[in-house]
Amino acid sequence: LLKLPFNYTGFGLMTGPVSNAMVLDLD
């Protein structure tokens, strides 16, 4: 990610099998 051209404002964590992780979002 850090090698990409800098045109972003943040990082999003990809959830599901790709990371073997989930996010609980309390809204």
mmCIF file of all heavy atoms, coordinates in Angstrom:
data_MODEL
# 
_entry.id   MODEL 
# 
loop_
_atom_site.group_PDB 
_atom_site.id 
_atom_site.type_symbol 
_atom_site.label_atom_id 
_atom_site.label_alt_id 
_atom_site.label_comp_id 
_atom_site.label_asym_id 
_atom_site.label_entity_id 
_atom_site.label_seq_id 
_atom_site.pdbx_PDB_ins_code 
_atom_site.Cartn_x 
_atom_site.Cartn_y 
_atom_site.Cartn_z 
_atom_site.occupancy 
_atom_site.B_iso_or_equiv 
_atom_site.pdbx_formal_charge 
_atom_site.auth_seq_id 
_atom_site.auth_comp_id 
_atom_site.auth_asym_id 
_atom_site.auth_atom_id 
_atom_site.pdbx_PDB_model_num 
ATOM 1   N N   . LEU A 1 1  ? 0.829   -1.205  0.000  1.00 0.00 ? 1  LEU A N   1 
ATOM 2   C CA  . LEU A 1 1  ? 0.000   0.000   0.000  1.00 0.00 ? 1  LEU A CA  1 
ATOM 3   C C   . LEU A 1 1  ? 0.865   1.257   0.000  1.00 0.00 ? 1  LEU A C   1 
ATOM 4   O O   . LEU A 1 1  ? 0.587   2.229   -0.708 1.00 0.00 ? 1  LEU A O   1 
ATOM 5   C CB  . LEU A 1 1  ? -0.903  -0.015  1.231  1.00 0.00 ? 1  LEU A CB  1 
ATOM 6   C CG  . LEU A 1 1  ? -1.993  1.045   1.333  1.00 0.00 ? 1  LEU A CG  1 
ATOM 7   C CD1 . LEU A 1 1  ? -2.968  0.935   0.177  1.00 0.00 ? 1  LEU A CD1 1 
ATOM 8   C CD2 . LEU A 1 1  ? -2.739  0.902   2.657  1.00 0.00 ? 1  LEU A CD2 1 
ATOM 9   N N   . LEU A 1 2  ? 1.938   1.222   0.760  1.00 0.00 ? 2  LEU A N   1 
ATOM 10  C CA  . LEU A 1 2  ? 2.789   2.403   0.877  1.00 0.00 ? 2  LEU A CA  1 
ATOM 11  C C   . LEU A 1 2  ? 3.608   2.682   -0.372 1.00 0.00 ? 2  LEU A C   1 
ATOM 12  O O   . LEU A 1 2  ? 4.198   3.751   -0.507 1.00 0.00 ? 2  LEU A O   1 
ATOM 13  C CB  . LEU A 1 2  ? 3.711   2.259   2.086  1.00 0.00 ? 2  LEU A CB  1 
ATOM 14  C CG  . LEU A 1 2  ? 2.992   2.240   3.439  1.00 0.00 ? 2  LEU A CG  1 
ATOM 15  C CD1 . LEU A 1 2  ? 3.965   1.935   4.562  1.00 0.00 ? 2  LEU A CD1 1 
ATOM 16  C CD2 . LEU A 1 2  ? 2.270   3.550   3.693  1.00 0.00 ? 2  LEU A CD2 1 
ATOM 17  N N   . LYS A 1 3  ? 3.656   1.718   -1.302 1.00 0.00 ? 3  LYS A N   1 
ATOM 18  C CA  . LYS A 1 3  ? 4.370   1.935   -2.563 1.00 0.00 ? 3  LYS A CA  1 
ATOM 19  C C   . LYS A 1 3  ? 3.471   2.542   -3.643 1.00 0.00 ? 3  LYS A C   1 
ATOM 20  O O   . LYS A 1 3  ? 3.954   2.912   -4.716 1.00 0.00 ? 3  LYS A O   1 
ATOM 21  C CB  . LYS A 1 3  ? 4.935   0.605   -3.066 1.00 0.00 ? 3  LYS A CB  1 
ATOM 22  C CG  . LYS A 1 3  ? 6.032   0.036   -2.176 1.00 0.00 ? 3  LYS A CG  1 
ATOM 23  C CD  . LYS A 1 3  ? 6.504   -1.319  -2.683 1.00 0.00 ? 3  LYS A CD  1 
ATOM 24  C CE  . LYS A 1 3  ? 7.554   -1.910  -1.757 1.00 0.00 ? 3  LYS A CE  1 
ATOM 25  N NZ  . LYS A 1 3  ? 7.968   -3.272  -2.217 1.00 0.00 ? 3  LYS A NZ  1 
ATOM 26  N N   . LEU A 1 4  ? 2.170   2.647   -3.377 1.00 0.00 ? 4  LEU A N   1 
ATOM 27  C CA  . LEU A 1 4  ? 1.238   3.201   -4.358 1.00 0.00 ? 4  LEU A CA  1 
ATOM 28  C C   . LEU A 1 4  ? 1.420   4.710   -4.480 1.00 0.00 ? 4  LEU A C   1 
ATOM 29  O O   . LEU A 1 4  ? 1.883   5.375   -3.556 1.00 0.00 ? 4  LEU A O   1 
ATOM 30  C CB  . LEU A 1 4  ? -0.199  2.904   -3.938 1.00 0.00 ? 4  LEU A CB  1 
ATOM 31  C CG  . LEU A 1 4  ? -0.644  1.451   -3.895 1.00 0.00 ? 4  LEU A CG  1 
ATOM 32  C CD1 . LEU A 1 4  ? -2.079  1.367   -3.392 1.00 0.00 ? 4  LEU A CD1 1 
ATOM 33  C CD2 . LEU A 1 4  ? -0.524  0.801   -5.267 1.00 0.00 ? 4  LEU A CD2 1 
ATOM 34  N N   . PRO A 1 5  ? 1.029   5.276   -5.624 1.00 0.00 ? 5  PRO A N   1 
ATOM 35  C CA  . PRO A 1 5  ? 1.003   6.744   -5.739 1.00 0.00 ? 5  PRO A CA  1 
ATOM 36  C C   . PRO A 1 5  ? 0.127   7.338   -4.642 1.00 0.00 ? 5  PRO A C   1 
ATOM 37  O O   . PRO A 1 5  ? -0.924  6.787   -4.311 1.00 0.00 ? 5  PRO A O   1 
ATOM 38  C CB  . PRO A 1 5  ? 0.401   6.976   -7.133 1.00 0.00 ? 5  PRO A CB  1 
ATOM 39  C CG  . PRO A 1 5  ? 0.677   5.722   -7.881 1.00 0.00 ? 5  PRO A CG  1 
ATOM 40  C CD  . PRO A 1 5  ? 0.612   4.607   -6.876 1.00 0.00 ? 5  PRO A CD  1 
ATOM 41  N N   . PHE A 1 6  ? 0.562   8.437   -4.090 1.00 0.00 ? 6  PHE A N   1 
ATOM 42  C CA  . PHE A 1 6  ? -0.146  9.009   -2.943 1.00 0.00 ? 6  PHE A CA  1 
ATOM 43  C C   . PHE A 1 6  ? -1.321  9.863   -3.419 1.00 0.00 ? 6  PHE A C   1 
ATOM 44  O O   . PHE A 1 6  ? -1.189  11.049  -3.700 1.00 0.00 ? 6  PHE A O   1 
ATOM 45  C CB  . PHE A 1 6  ? 0.810   9.843   -2.094 1.00 0.00 ? 6  PHE A CB  1 
ATOM 46  C CG  . PHE A 1 6  ? 0.179   10.334  -0.830 1.00 0.00 ? 6  PHE A CG  1 
ATOM 47  C CD1 . PHE A 1 6  ? -0.078  9.462   0.198  1.00 0.00 ? 6  PHE A CD1 1 
ATOM 48  C CD2 . PHE A 1 6  ? -0.178  11.663  -0.689 1.00 0.00 ? 6  PHE A CD2 1 
ATOM 49  C CE1 . PHE A 1 6  ? -0.677  9.903   1.374  1.00 0.00 ? 6  PHE A CE1 1 
ATOM 50  C CE2 . PHE A 1 6  ? -0.773  12.119  0.476  1.00 0.00 ? 6  PHE A CE2 1 
ATOM 51  C CZ  . PHE A 1 6  ? -1.023  11.231  1.508  1.00 0.00 ? 6  PHE A CZ  1 
ATOM 52  N N   . ASN A 1 7  ? -2.491  9.215   -3.503 1.00 0.00 ? 7  ASN A N   1 
ATOM 53  C CA  . ASN A 1 7  ? -3.708  9.954   -3.867 1.00 0.00 ? 7  ASN A CA  1 
ATOM 54  C C   . ASN A 1 7  ? -4.861  9.564   -2.949 1.00 0.00 ? 7  ASN A C   1 
ATOM 55  O O   . ASN A 1 7  ? -6.012  9.601   -3.342 1.00 0.00 ? 7  ASN A O   1 
ATOM 56  C CB  . ASN A 1 7  ? -4.082  9.694   -5.330 1.00 0.00 ? 7  ASN A CB  1 
ATOM 57  C CG  . ASN A 1 7  ? -4.387  8.228   -5.600 1.00 0.00 ? 7  ASN A CG  1 
ATOM 58  O OD1 . ASN A 1 7  ? -4.179  7.377   -4.729 1.00 0.00 ? 7  ASN A OD1 1 
ATOM 59  N ND2 . ASN A 1 7  ? -4.885  7.940   -6.789 1.00 0.00 ? 7  ASN A ND2 1 
ATOM 60  N N   . TYR A 1 8  ? -4.530  9.168   -1.731 1.00 0.00 ? 8  TYR A N   1 
ATOM 61  C CA  . TYR A 1 8  ? -5.557  8.712   -0.796 1.00 0.00 ? 8  TYR A CA  1 
ATOM 62  C C   . TYR A 1 8  ? -5.514  9.536   0.492  1.00 0.00 ? 8  TYR A C   1 
ATOM 63  O O   . TYR A 1 8  ? -4.564  10.277  0.750  1.00 0.00 ? 8  TYR A O   1 
ATOM 64  C CB  . TYR A 1 8  ? -5.374  7.227   -0.482 1.00 0.00 ? 8  TYR A CB  1 
ATOM 65  C CG  . TYR A 1 8  ? -3.973  6.816   -0.083 1.00 0.00 ? 8  TYR A CG  1 
ATOM 66  C CD1 . TYR A 1 8  ? -3.512  7.005   1.217  1.00 0.00 ? 8  TYR A CD1 1 
ATOM 67  C CD2 . TYR A 1 8  ? -3.107  6.233   -1.005 1.00 0.00 ? 8  TYR A CD2 1 
ATOM 68  C CE1 . TYR A 1 8  ? -2.242  6.625   1.586  1.00 0.00 ? 8  TYR A CE1 1 
ATOM 69  C CE2 . TYR A 1 8  ? -1.827  5.850   -0.637 1.00 0.00 ? 8  TYR A CE2 1 
ATOM 70  C CZ  . TYR A 1 8  ? -1.401  6.046   0.664  1.00 0.00 ? 8  TYR A CZ  1 
ATOM 71  O OH  . TYR A 1 8  ? -0.131  5.676   1.033  1.00 0.00 ? 8  TYR A OH  1 
ATOM 72  N N   . THR A 1 9  ? -6.569  9.397   1.301  1.00 0.00 ? 9  THR A N   1 
ATOM 73  C CA  . THR A 1 9  ? -6.639  10.111  2.576  1.00 0.00 ? 9  THR A CA  1 
ATOM 74  C C   . THR A 1 9  ? -6.645  9.158   3.761  1.00 0.00 ? 9  THR A C   1 
ATOM 75  O O   . THR A 1 9  ? -6.710  9.609   4.909  1.00 0.00 ? 9  THR A O   1 
ATOM 76  C CB  . THR A 1 9  ? -7.899  10.988  2.643  1.00 0.00 ? 9  THR A CB  1 
ATOM 77  O OG1 . THR A 1 9  ? -9.064  10.155  2.527  1.00 0.00 ? 9  THR A OG1 1 
ATOM 78  C CG2 . THR A 1 9  ? -7.906  12.031  1.534  1.00 0.00 ? 9  THR A CG2 1 
ATOM 79  N N   . GLY A 1 10 ? -6.615  7.855   3.496  1.00 0.00 ? 10 GLY A N   1 
ATOM 80  C CA  . GLY A 1 10 ? -6.618  6.903   4.591  1.00 0.00 ? 10 GLY A CA  1 
ATOM 81  C C   . GLY A 1 10 ? -6.556  5.471   4.101  1.00 0.00 ? 10 GLY A C   1 
ATOM 82  O O   . GLY A 1 10 ? -6.458  5.208   2.890  1.00 0.00 ? 10 GLY A O   1 
ATOM 83  N N   . PHE A 1 11 ? -6.611  4.532   5.063  1.00 0.00 ? 11 PHE A N   1 
ATOM 84  C CA  . PHE A 1 11 ? -6.565  3.107   4.769  1.00 0.00 ? 11 PHE A CA  1 
ATOM 85  C C   . PHE A 1 11 ? -7.863  2.465   5.244  1.00 0.00 ? 11 PHE A C   1 
ATOM 86  O O   . PHE A 1 11 ? -8.311  2.716   6.368  1.00 0.00 ? 11 PHE A O   1 
ATOM 87  C CB  . PHE A 1 11 ? -5.419  2.399   5.516  1.00 0.00 ? 11 PHE A CB  1 
ATOM 88  C CG  . PHE A 1 11 ? -4.049  2.931   5.242  1.00 0.00 ? 11 PHE A CG  1 
ATOM 89  C CD1 . PHE A 1 11 ? -3.018  2.685   6.143  1.00 0.00 ? 11 PHE A CD1 1 
ATOM 90  C CD2 . PHE A 1 11 ? -3.756  3.652   4.093  1.00 0.00 ? 11 PHE A CD2 1 
ATOM 91  C CE1 . PHE A 1 11 ? -1.740  3.150   5.924  1.00 0.00 ? 11 PHE A CE1 1 
ATOM 92  C CE2 . PHE A 1 11 ? -2.476  4.123   3.859  1.00 0.00 ? 11 PHE A CE2 1 
ATOM 93  C CZ  . PHE A 1 11 ? -1.467  3.880   4.779  1.00 0.00 ? 11 PHE A CZ  1 
ATOM 94  N N   . GLY A 1 12 ? -8.421  1.592   4.404  1.00 0.00 ? 12 GLY A N   1 
ATOM 95  C CA  . GLY A 1 12 ? -9.561  0.792   4.805  1.00 0.00 ? 12 GLY A CA  1 
ATOM 96  C C   . GLY A 1 12 ? -9.135  -0.652  5.000  1.00 0.00 ? 12 GLY A C   1 
ATOM 97  O O   . GLY A 1 12 ? -8.446  -1.225  4.145  1.00 0.00 ? 12 GLY A O   1 
ATOM 98  N N   . LEU A 1 13 ? -9.517  -1.251  6.107  1.00 0.00 ? 13 LEU A N   1 
ATOM 99  C CA  . LEU A 1 13 ? -9.234  -2.656  6.349  1.00 0.00 ? 13 LEU A CA  1 
ATOM 100 C C   . LEU A 1 13 ? -10.243 -3.502  5.588  1.00 0.00 ? 13 LEU A C   1 
ATOM 101 O O   . LEU A 1 13 ? -11.457 -3.332  5.743  1.00 0.00 ? 13 LEU A O   1 
ATOM 102 C CB  . LEU A 1 13 ? -9.326  -2.968  7.836  1.00 0.00 ? 13 LEU A CB  1 
ATOM 103 C CG  . LEU A 1 13 ? -9.199  -4.445  8.202  1.00 0.00 ? 13 LEU A CG  1 
ATOM 104 C CD1 . LEU A 1 13 ? -7.788  -4.941  7.960  1.00 0.00 ? 13 LEU A CD1 1 
ATOM 105 C CD2 . LEU A 1 13 ? -9.622  -4.689  9.639  1.00 0.00 ? 13 LEU A CD2 1 
ATOM 106 N N   . MET A 1 14 ? -9.769  -4.421  4.752  1.00 0.00 ? 14 MET A N   1 
ATOM 107 C CA  . MET A 1 14 ? -10.638 -5.316  4.007  1.00 0.00 ? 14 MET A CA  1 
ATOM 108 C C   . MET A 1 14 ? -11.049 -6.464  4.928  1.00 0.00 ? 14 MET A C   1 
ATOM 109 O O   . MET A 1 14 ? -10.208 -7.185  5.464  1.00 0.00 ? 14 MET A O   1 
ATOM 110 C CB  . MET A 1 14 ? -9.921  -5.833  2.765  1.00 0.00 ? 14 MET A CB  1 
ATOM 111 C CG  . MET A 1 14 ? -9.536  -4.720  1.804  1.00 0.00 ? 14 MET A CG  1 
ATOM 112 S SD  . MET A 1 14 ? -8.578  -5.277  0.364  1.00 0.00 ? 14 MET A SD  1 
ATOM 113 C CE  . MET A 1 14 ? -9.873  -6.080  -0.593 1.00 0.00 ? 14 MET A CE  1 
ATOM 114 N N   . THR A 1 15 ? -12.345 -6.632  5.129  1.00 0.00 ? 15 THR A N   1 
ATOM 115 C CA  . THR A 1 15 ? -12.846 -7.661  6.031  1.00 0.00 ? 15 THR A CA  1 
ATOM 116 C C   . THR A 1 15 ? -13.208 -8.925  5.251  1.00 0.00 ? 15 THR A C   1 
ATOM 117 O O   . THR A 1 15 ? -13.299 -8.917  4.030  1.00 0.00 ? 15 THR A O   1 
ATOM 118 C CB  . THR A 1 15 ? -14.074 -7.140  6.793  1.00 0.00 ? 15 THR A CB  1 
ATOM 119 O OG1 . THR A 1 15 ? -15.032 -6.606  5.864  1.00 0.00 ? 15 THR A OG1 1 
ATOM 120 C CG2 . THR A 1 15 ? -13.682 -6.043  7.771  1.00 0.00 ? 15 THR A CG2 1 
ATOM 121 N N   . GLY A 1 16 ? -13.413 -10.013 5.986  1.00 0.00 ? 16 GLY A N   1 
ATOM 122 C CA  . GLY A 1 16 ? -13.757 -11.284 5.360  1.00 0.00 ? 16 GLY A CA  1 
ATOM 123 C C   . GLY A 1 16 ? -12.562 -12.204 5.235  1.00 0.00 ? 16 GLY A C   1 
ATOM 124 O O   . GLY A 1 16 ? -11.523 -12.005 5.883  1.00 0.00 ? 16 GLY A O   1 
ATOM 125 N N   . PRO A 1 17 ? -12.672 -13.226 4.379  1.00 0.00 ? 17 PRO A N   1 
ATOM 126 C CA  . PRO A 1 17 ? -11.591 -14.217 4.251  1.00 0.00 ? 17 PRO A CA  1 
ATOM 127 C C   . PRO A 1 17 ? -10.253 -13.629 3.835  1.00 0.00 ? 17 PRO A C   1 
ATOM 128 O O   . PRO A 1 17 ? -9.206  -14.185 4.173  1.00 0.00 ? 17 PRO A O   1 
ATOM 129 C CB  . PRO A 1 17 ? -12.136 -15.174 3.176  1.00 0.00 ? 17 PRO A CB  1 
ATOM 130 C CG  . PRO A 1 17 ? -13.608 -15.003 3.198  1.00 0.00 ? 17 PRO A CG  1 
ATOM 131 C CD  . PRO A 1 17 ? -13.848 -13.578 3.571  1.00 0.00 ? 17 PRO A CD  1 
ATOM 132 N N   . VAL A 1 18 ? -10.255 -12.512 3.100  1.00 0.00 ? 18 VAL A N   1 
ATOM 133 C CA  . VAL A 1 18 ? -9.001  -11.925 2.636  1.00 0.00 ? 18 VAL A CA  1 
ATOM 134 C C   . VAL A 1 18 ? -8.095  -11.538 3.803  1.00 0.00 ? 18 VAL A C   1 
ATOM 135 O O   . VAL A 1 18 ? -6.871  -11.546 3.684  1.00 0.00 ? 18 VAL A O   1 
ATOM 136 C CB  . VAL A 1 18 ? -9.284  -10.710 1.723  1.00 0.00 ? 18 VAL A CB  1 
ATOM 137 C CG1 . VAL A 1 18 ? -9.900  -9.555  2.492  1.00 0.00 ? 18 VAL A CG1 1 
ATOM 138 C CG2 . VAL A 1 18 ? -8.034  -10.264 0.998  1.00 0.00 ? 18 VAL A CG2 1 
ATOM 139 N N   . SER A 1 19 ? -8.689  -11.207 4.946  1.00 0.00 ? 19 SER A N   1 
ATOM 140 C CA  . SER A 1 19 ? -7.929  -10.861 6.150  1.00 0.00 ? 19 SER A CA  1 
ATOM 141 C C   . SER A 1 19 ? -8.205  -11.811 7.315  1.00 0.00 ? 19 SER A C   1 
ATOM 142 O O   . SER A 1 19 ? -7.605  -11.658 8.379  1.00 0.00 ? 19 SER A O   1 
ATOM 143 C CB  . SER A 1 19 ? -8.263  -9.439  6.610  1.00 0.00 ? 19 SER A CB  1 
ATOM 144 O OG  . SER A 1 19 ? -7.818  -8.462  5.692  1.00 0.00 ? 19 SER A OG  1 
ATOM 145 N N   . ASN A 1 20 ? -9.132  -12.755 7.113  1.00 0.00 ? 20 ASN A N   1 
ATOM 146 C CA  . ASN A 1 20 ? -9.603  -13.603 8.216  1.00 0.00 ? 20 ASN A CA  1 
ATOM 147 C C   . ASN A 1 20 ? -9.962  -12.742 9.422  1.00 0.00 ? 20 ASN A C   1 
ATOM 148 O O   . ASN A 1 20 ? -9.541  -12.996 10.558 1.00 0.00 ? 20 ASN A O   1 
ATOM 149 C CB  . ASN A 1 20 ? -8.575  -14.673 8.587  1.00 0.00 ? 20 ASN A CB  1 
ATOM 150 C CG  . ASN A 1 20 ? -8.730  -15.919 7.718  1.00 0.00 ? 20 ASN A CG  1 
ATOM 151 O OD1 . ASN A 1 20 ? -9.835  -16.241 7.268  1.00 0.00 ? 20 ASN A OD1 1 
ATOM 152 N ND2 . ASN A 1 20 ? -7.637  -16.608 7.465  1.00 0.00 ? 20 ASN A ND2 1 
ATOM 153 N N   . ALA A 1 21 ? -10.753 -11.702 9.137  1.00 0.00 ? 21 ALA A N   1 
ATOM 154 C CA  . ALA A 1 21 ? -11.127 -10.751 10.179 1.00 0.00 ? 21 ALA A CA  1 
ATOM 155 C C   . ALA A 1 21 ? -12.494 -10.160 9.875  1.00 0.00 ? 21 ALA A C   1 
ATOM 156 O O   . ALA A 1 21 ? -12.928 -10.104 8.712  1.00 0.00 ? 21 ALA A O   1 
ATOM 157 C CB  . ALA A 1 21 ? -10.089 -9.637  10.293 1.00 0.00 ? 21 ALA A CB  1 
ATOM 158 N N   . MET A 1 22 ? -13.162 -9.723  10.926 1.00 0.00 ? 22 MET A N   1 
ATOM 159 C CA  . MET A 1 22 ? -14.439 -9.016  10.825 1.00 0.00 ? 22 MET A CA  1 
ATOM 160 C C   . MET A 1 22 ? -14.320 -7.708  11.589 1.00 0.00 ? 22 MET A C   1 
ATOM 161 O O   . MET A 1 22 ? -13.435 -7.532  12.422 1.00 0.00 ? 22 MET A O   1 
ATOM 162 C CB  . MET A 1 22 ? -15.563 -9.846  11.437 1.00 0.00 ? 22 MET A CB  1 
ATOM 163 C CG  . MET A 1 22 ? -15.364 -10.141 12.922 1.00 0.00 ? 22 MET A CG  1 
ATOM 164 S SD  . MET A 1 22 ? -16.848 -10.605 13.827 1.00 0.00 ? 22 MET A SD  1 
ATOM 165 C CE  . MET A 1 22 ? -17.719 -9.022  13.935 1.00 0.00 ? 22 MET A CE  1 
ATOM 166 N N   . VAL A 1 23 ? -15.213 -6.786  11.277 1.00 0.00 ? 23 VAL A N   1 
ATOM 167 C CA  . VAL A 1 23 ? -15.315 -5.542  12.028 1.00 0.00 ? 23 VAL A CA  1 
ATOM 168 C C   . VAL A 1 23 ? -16.747 -5.392  12.520 1.00 0.00 ? 23 VAL A C   1 
ATOM 169 O O   . VAL A 1 23 ? -17.706 -5.578  11.756 1.00 0.00 ? 23 VAL A O   1 
ATOM 170 C CB  . VAL A 1 23 ? -14.904 -4.323  11.172 1.00 0.00 ? 23 VAL A CB  1 
ATOM 171 C CG1 . VAL A 1 23 ? -15.341 -3.013  11.833 1.00 0.00 ? 23 VAL A CG1 1 
ATOM 172 C CG2 . VAL A 1 23 ? -13.400 -4.312  10.953 1.00 0.00 ? 23 VAL A CG2 1 
ATOM 173 N N   . LEU A 1 24 ? -16.884 -5.106  13.790 1.00 0.00 ? 24 LEU A N   1 
ATOM 174 C CA  . LEU A 1 24 ? -18.169 -4.747  14.386 1.00 0.00 ? 24 LEU A CA  1 
ATOM 175 C C   . LEU A 1 24 ? -18.219 -3.231  14.441 1.00 0.00 ? 24 LEU A C   1 
ATOM 176 O O   . LEU A 1 24 ? -17.399 -2.602  15.104 1.00 0.00 ? 24 LEU A O   1 
ATOM 177 C CB  . LEU A 1 24 ? -18.283 -5.348  15.790 1.00 0.00 ? 24 LEU A CB  1 
ATOM 178 C CG  . LEU A 1 24 ? -19.460 -4.873  16.641 1.00 0.00 ? 24 LEU A CG  1 
ATOM 179 C CD1 . LEU A 1 24 ? -20.791 -5.272  16.001 1.00 0.00 ? 24 LEU A CD1 1 
ATOM 180 C CD2 . LEU A 1 24 ? -19.354 -5.427  18.059 1.00 0.00 ? 24 LEU A CD2 1 
ATOM 181 N N   . ASP A 1 25 ? -19.184 -2.650  13.716 1.00 0.00 ? 25 ASP A N   1 
ATOM 182 C CA  . ASP A 1 25 ? -19.312 -1.196  13.627 1.00 0.00 ? 25 ASP A CA  1 
ATOM 183 C C   . ASP A 1 25 ? -20.552 -0.777  14.402 1.00 0.00 ? 25 ASP A C   1 
ATOM 184 O O   . ASP A 1 25 ? -21.679 -1.137  14.028 1.00 0.00 ? 25 ASP A O   1 
ATOM 185 C CB  . ASP A 1 25 ? -19.424 -0.766  12.163 1.00 0.00 ? 25 ASP A CB  1 
ATOM 186 C CG  . ASP A 1 25 ? -19.390 0.740   12.006 1.00 0.00 ? 25 ASP A CG  1 
ATOM 187 O OD1 . ASP A 1 25 ? -18.518 1.379   12.623 1.00 0.00 ? 25 ASP A OD1 1 
ATOM 188 O OD2 . ASP A 1 25 ? -20.240 1.278   11.274 1.00 0.00 ? 25 ASP A OD2 1 
ATOM 189 N N   . LEU A 1 26 ? -20.375 -0.033  15.467 1.00 0.00 ? 26 LEU A N   1 
ATOM 190 C CA  . LEU A 1 26 ? -21.455 0.414   16.347 1.00 0.00 ? 26 LEU A CA  1 
ATOM 191 C C   . LEU A 1 26 ? -21.765 1.860   16.015 1.00 0.00 ? 26 LEU A C   1 
ATOM 192 O O   . LEU A 1 26 ? -20.901 2.725   16.117 1.00 0.00 ? 26 LEU A O   1 
ATOM 193 C CB  . LEU A 1 26 ? -21.026 0.232   17.802 1.00 0.00 ? 26 LEU A CB  1 
ATOM 194 C CG  . LEU A 1 26 ? -20.673 -1.230  18.123 1.00 0.00 ? 26 LEU A CG  1 
ATOM 195 C CD1 . LEU A 1 26 ? -19.774 -1.317  19.342 1.00 0.00 ? 26 LEU A CD1 1 
ATOM 196 C CD2 . LEU A 1 26 ? -21.926 -2.057  18.303 1.00 0.00 ? 26 LEU A CD2 1 
ATOM 197 N N   . ASP A 1 27 ? -23.018 2.124   15.630 1.00 0.00 ? 27 ASP A N   1 
ATOM 198 C CA  . ASP A 1 27 ? -23.284 3.318   14.830 1.00 0.00 ? 27 ASP A CA  1 
ATOM 199 C C   . ASP A 1 27 ? -24.332 4.256   15.410 1.00 0.00 ? 27 ASP A C   1 
ATOM 200 O O   . ASP A 1 27 ? -25.278 4.639   14.729 1.00 0.00 ? 27 ASP A O   1 
ATOM 201 C CB  . ASP A 1 27 ? -23.708 2.884   13.420 1.00 0.00 ? 27 ASP A CB  1 
ATOM 202 C CG  . ASP A 1 27 ? -23.486 3.980   12.385 1.00 0.00 ? 27 ASP A CG  1 
ATOM 203 O OD1 . ASP A 1 27 ? -22.702 4.901   12.654 1.00 0.00 ? 27 ASP A OD1 1 
ATOM 204 O OD2 . ASP A 1 27 ? -24.108 3.916   11.314 1.00 0.00 ? 27 ASP A OD2 1 
# 
